[in-house]
Structure formats: structure tokens, C-alpha cells
Amino acid sequence: MDKTERIIPARESVYLDGPKPRINEFLFAWNVFRQFIKGFRTLHFVGPCITVFGSARFKEGNVYYEQAREFGKRIAALGFTTMTGGGPGTMEAANRGAFENGGVSVGCNIKLPFEQKPNPYMHKWLTFDYFFIRKVLLVKYSYAFIIMPGGFGTMDEFFETITLAQTHVINDFPIVLFGKAYYEPIRHAIDHMVENGTISPEDTKLMLLTDDMDEAMQHIQSYISSNFTVKPRKRLWWLFEKR
């Protein structure tokens, strides 16, 4: 065998086999449907949420961990539910800030072979098999989004959310990019897109880039108070929705 030939791990080969037997495809679709329904039932009554995205790798004492914890506290004071990806790091910090200060704290966790375990500061959480289900629910129940510093996963969540806003799939939802120094290269890349005509100058107004927590929360509060009415949701006994 040529030394440069790549050996494909057994697990990876499963995803490179192409279309599966129809029964496998049906079972996959059924599992996706089942997880969506479970998510809808679990999160339907958690109240209006503000989602905090960010890295799983920051530990307690890190400046970003402590800032996320403060965000959770302030979200609770605003009367909203703090929602995160349910894992450690920034997610744990935001959940913790809400949990320790009388707020509601929920999470949408993901099954991974490393790094991602549910943090202990949530009143309700779910664990999903697929990222796309998780991302739908992180957006579906939220009235605003705070993107703390993070890696590939956080960038994926940020750009998907801002794409939904750009294409008017979601309207007038505040998106806060928190951490000017960290996100300066991203902002330069976005400005480069404007210069090359791949996005419109108006698209840059879809987000607020700031280091000021007061400015971030005021931005969120002003959008929510002028654009949204929170309607109570009635529990239906015939769906076994307990009080």
C-alpha cells in the first residue's frame, strides 16, 4: 500500500457508503421526528428564552466564563429563561448565573465522544443525537441571542442564526456578539464581505458587537419590549401536560 494512502476508520466508512437501505432511512427519519417531538414537549412551557452560545472549554475563573455567568444572572432578572447548549464552559456559566439567581435555566445538549456532558445548573435539558435538531430548538424558543467567544461550534451557531435574520426567517431578534477583541477578525471578515458585495452593508446592523454588558442587555431589552408580546400557553390535559 502506498504510504500516502489514507486509511479510513471503520466508523467513518459508515458515513461514506452512500444511500442506506430504505428501512434504515425510515428509522433515521423516525428518530429525528421522535427527538423533535420530545424537544417540543419538554420546552413548550419553559417561557421565553434568551440563548447564550459560547465555548465549552472555558473554566471557572476565566473572564469569559464569569461574563457568561453574569449574563445568566441578568437574563434571570429580566424575567427570561436562559437557554444554552447544555454543556460545560460558557454554557455552564450562563446556566449557573440563572440557576443561582432564581431564574429558569434550560439546555439542549448533544451526544459527543468527548467534551460535552450536561452541566448541573439546569432545571430541564435534553440530549440530542444530531446537531441540526439541537440548533433548531436553540433558535425556536429564543427572543434574543448572545454569542460569547467560542470555536467552530459557536461560529456555526452564530452564522446560522445571523443567516436566518438576514433572510428574514426570523425578524427583529437581537443578536449580540460579545467580546470585541476576540471577534475583531470576524468583524474584519464581515467587512470584507461587504466590500466584495457578498452581503449588504445593512446586514452588519443585524448584530451588535460590544464589550459592554449594560449595552448588550439594553439592546436586547429595547428590541423585546418594542417587538414582542409573550403569550401564556395553556396546558392541555389530553396531551398529558401536567401543571
Foldseek 3Di string as FASTA:
>chain_A
DPPPDDDDDPVVVVVVPPDDPPVVVVVVVVQLVVVLVVLCLQCVALFAEEEEEAAQPADPPDPLLQVLLVCLLVCQVVVHEYEYQQFHDSLLSSLQSVQVNVGAYEHEHEDDPDSGDGHPRHPYYYYDDDPVSRLCSSPVRYQEYEQEYHDPVSVVSVVVVLVCDLVPVDDLREYEDEDCVRCVVVVVVVVVCCVVVVGPPVSVVNYHYYNDPVVVVVSRVVSPVVPDDTDHDDDDVVVVNDD
